[in-house]
Amino acid sequence: MMLLTKFSHTLLVRAAAVASILLGMLYLPSVFHFTLSIHGFEPELGRGSHIIEEEWGKWSIIGGGLLFIGSLMLRPYRSAWLRNLLLGFLFICLILLITAQLPPLLIWFIMNLLVFSWSNALGFLLHFLFAALALWGSASTLYAFEKNRLSSEITD
């Protein structure tokens, strides 16, 4: 339990938010001239996959932005029900972002099995590390939610 609570849940949520934004930017060619591309599978994917990748990147940036704004709103409020509402919102956002990592993780994993390249391995590693960070943040947020709920029951 010490590892779970060593960092505050707001710090973990903000780290996951920034990671989500940065990871999403890698899929937008308008942001970086370098984009993550799947080597050995480009001809089969065609232009349609680039549209999907760009949409995934946009939603990753939007999700990260919502997480960051939610974590900023969490601090000033002392009302237990509002704090629980914000913690629940952050938890749901984190779970959705973790779920959104499953298709890219599967694609990068399959591509590593079919045609190994360092960019494929890097793509898989980035998504895996982000999913692990978001999972850690969601567990910490759930712990903070429960702690907040228990402390509000004691004061009532």
Protein backbone atom coordinates (compact mmCIF):
# COMPACT_ATOMS: atom_id res chain seq x y z
CA MET A 1 0.00 0.00 0.00
CA MET A 2 2.95 2.33 0.57
CA LEU A 3 3.88 2.31 -3.11
CA LEU A 4 0.30 3.14 -4.03
CA THR A 5 0.18 6.21 -1.81
CA LYS A 6 3.79 7.39 -2.02
CA PHE A 7 2.72 9.98 -4.58
CA SER A 8 -0.48 11.97 -4.26
CA HIS A 9 -3.36 11.00 -6.51
CA THR A 10 -3.40 14.51 -8.01
CA LEU A 11 0.26 14.19 -9.01
CA LEU A 12 -0.36 10.79 -10.63
CA VAL A 13 -3.45 12.07 -12.45
CA ARG A 14 -1.56 15.13 -13.72
CA ALA A 15 1.34 12.94 -14.85
CA ALA A 16 -1.10 10.67 -16.71
CA ALA A 17 -2.77 13.74 -18.24
CA VAL A 18 0.52 15.15 -19.53
CA ALA A 19 1.56 11.71 -20.81
CA SER A 20 -1.77 11.34 -22.62
CA ILE A 21 -1.36 14.73 -24.28
CA LEU A 22 2.22 14.00 -25.35
CA LEU A 23 1.34 10.53 -26.60
CA GLY A 24 -1.59 11.93 -28.57
CA MET A 25 0.67 14.56 -30.16
CA LEU A 26 2.88 11.81 -31.58
CA TYR A 27 -0.05 10.71 -33.75
CA LEU A 28 -0.70 14.16 -35.19
CA PRO A 29 1.62 14.97 -38.10
CA SER A 30 0.64 18.64 -37.85
CA VAL A 31 2.23 18.83 -34.37
CA PHE A 32 5.45 16.89 -34.95
CA HIS A 33 7.07 16.08 -38.26
CA PHE A 34 8.02 12.76 -36.66
CA THR A 35 5.01 10.53 -36.09
CA LEU A 36 4.80 6.98 -34.83
CA SER A 37 4.35 4.77 -37.85
CA ILE A 38 4.05 1.03 -38.02
CA HIS A 39 6.93 -0.33 -40.10
CA GLY A 40 6.20 -3.24 -42.37
CA PHE A 41 2.45 -2.67 -42.37
CA GLU A 42 2.01 0.71 -44.05
CA PRO A 43 0.84 -0.50 -47.49
CA GLU A 44 -1.89 -2.65 -45.97
CA LEU A 45 -3.20 0.11 -43.73
CA GLY A 46 -3.56 2.76 -46.40
CA ARG A 47 -4.82 6.32 -45.84
CA GLY A 48 -7.76 5.18 -43.68
CA SER A 49 -5.47 4.18 -40.83
CA HIS A 50 -3.86 7.61 -40.75
CA ILE A 51 -7.28 9.18 -40.24
CA ILE A 52 -7.95 6.74 -37.38
CA GLU A 53 -4.52 7.46 -35.88
CA GLU A 54 -5.13 11.21 -36.05
CA GLU A 55 -8.56 10.83 -34.43
CA TRP A 56 -7.04 8.68 -31.68
CA GLY A 57 -4.39 11.36 -31.15
CA LYS A 58 -7.03 14.11 -30.89
CA TRP A 59 -9.07 12.13 -28.36
CA SER A 60 -5.95 11.34 -26.37
CA ILE A 61 -5.18 15.06 -26.17
CA ILE A 62 -8.78 15.91 -25.22
CA GLY A 63 -8.82 13.17 -22.55
CA GLY A 64 -5.52 14.35 -21.13
CA GLY A 65 -6.79 17.93 -21.06
CA LEU A 66 -9.96 16.89 -19.21
CA LEU A 67 -7.87 14.96 -16.70
CA PHE A 68 -5.57 17.91 -16.09
CA ILE A 69 -8.45 20.37 -15.66
CA GLY A 70 -10.24 17.94 -13.35
CA SER A 71 -7.13 17.53 -11.22
CA LEU A 72 -6.80 21.33 -10.94
CA MET A 73 -10.42 21.64 -9.83
CA LEU A 74 -9.97 18.97 -7.19
CA ARG A 75 -7.68 20.94 -4.92
CA PRO A 76 -9.67 24.00 -3.84
CA TYR A 77 -12.92 22.27 -2.99
CA ARG A 78 -13.40 21.04 0.54
CA SER A 79 -16.98 19.79 0.21
CA ALA A 80 -16.96 16.00 0.55
CA TRP A 81 -19.66 15.33 -2.07
CA LEU A 82 -18.07 17.64 -4.64
CA ARG A 83 -14.66 16.11 -3.98
CA ASN A 84 -16.15 12.63 -4.42
CA LEU A 85 -17.82 13.76 -7.64
CA LEU A 86 -14.52 15.06 -9.02
CA LEU A 87 -12.64 11.96 -7.90
CA GLY A 88 -15.27 9.81 -9.62
CA PHE A 89 -14.94 11.89 -12.80
CA LEU A 90 -11.15 11.51 -12.75
CA PHE A 91 -11.43 7.77 -12.14
CA ILE A 92 -13.82 7.32 -15.08
CA CYS A 93 -11.57 9.41 -17.37
CA LEU A 94 -8.55 7.31 -16.38
CA ILE A 95 -10.40 4.05 -17.00
CA LEU A 96 -11.52 5.31 -20.42
CA LEU A 97 -7.96 6.29 -21.30
CA ILE A 98 -6.68 2.88 -20.19
CA THR A 99 -9.35 1.20 -22.32
CA ALA A 100 -8.36 3.41 -25.27
CA GLN A 101 -4.81 2.01 -25.00
CA LEU A 102 -5.93 -1.55 -25.74
CA PRO A 103 -6.27 -1.24 -29.57
CA PRO A 104 -2.88 0.49 -30.04
CA LEU A 105 -1.23 -1.97 -27.64
CA LEU A 106 -2.67 -4.89 -29.59
CA ILE A 107 -1.63 -3.44 -32.96
CA TRP A 108 1.91 -2.62 -31.80
CA PHE A 109 2.24 -6.06 -30.19
CA ILE A 110 1.10 -7.87 -33.35
CA MET A 111 3.40 -5.73 -35.48
CA ASN A 112 6.34 -6.59 -33.22
CA LEU A 113 5.57 -10.27 -33.69
CA LEU A 114 5.24 -9.98 -37.48
CA VAL A 115 7.95 -7.44 -38.31
CA PHE A 116 10.21 -6.40 -35.49
CA SER A 117 11.52 -2.87 -35.63
CA TRP A 118 12.60 -0.49 -32.92
CA SER A 119 9.84 1.98 -33.77
CA ASN A 120 7.25 -0.79 -33.28
CA ALA A 121 8.84 -1.66 -29.95
CA LEU A 122 8.90 2.02 -28.97
CA GLY A 123 5.21 2.42 -29.86
CA PHE A 124 4.29 -0.60 -27.75
CA LEU A 125 6.46 0.56 -24.85
CA LEU A 126 5.00 4.09 -24.83
CA HIS A 127 1.43 2.81 -24.75
CA PHE A 128 2.26 0.19 -22.15
CA LEU A 129 3.98 2.70 -19.85
CA PHE A 130 1.11 5.14 -20.22
CA ALA A 131 -1.45 2.43 -19.44
CA ALA A 132 0.57 1.41 -16.34
CA LEU A 133 0.79 5.05 -15.18
CA ALA A 134 -2.94 5.58 -15.74
CA LEU A 135 -3.70 2.33 -13.89
CA TRP A 136 -1.55 3.47 -10.97
CA GLY A 137 -3.30 6.85 -11.01
CA SER A 138 -6.74 5.23 -11.11
CA ALA A 139 -5.91 2.94 -8.18
CA SER A 140 -4.61 5.91 -6.21
CA THR A 141 -7.71 7.95 -7.11
CA LEU A 142 -9.96 5.10 -6.02
CA TYR A 143 -8.03 4.91 -2.75
CA ALA A 144 -8.45 8.69 -2.25
CA PHE A 145 -12.17 8.36 -3.05
CA GLU A 146 -12.59 5.68 -0.40
CA LYS A 147 -10.51 7.64 2.12
CA ASN A 148 -12.58 10.76 1.45
CA ARG A 149 -15.82 8.79 1.80
CA LEU A 150 -14.74 7.31 5.12
CA SER A 151 -13.65 10.67 6.51
CA SER A 152 -16.97 12.24 5.48
CA GLU A 153 -18.87 9.43 7.24
CA ILE A 154 -16.94 10.07 10.44
CA THR A 155 -17.74 13.79 10.43
CA ASP A 156 -21.47 13.22 9.73
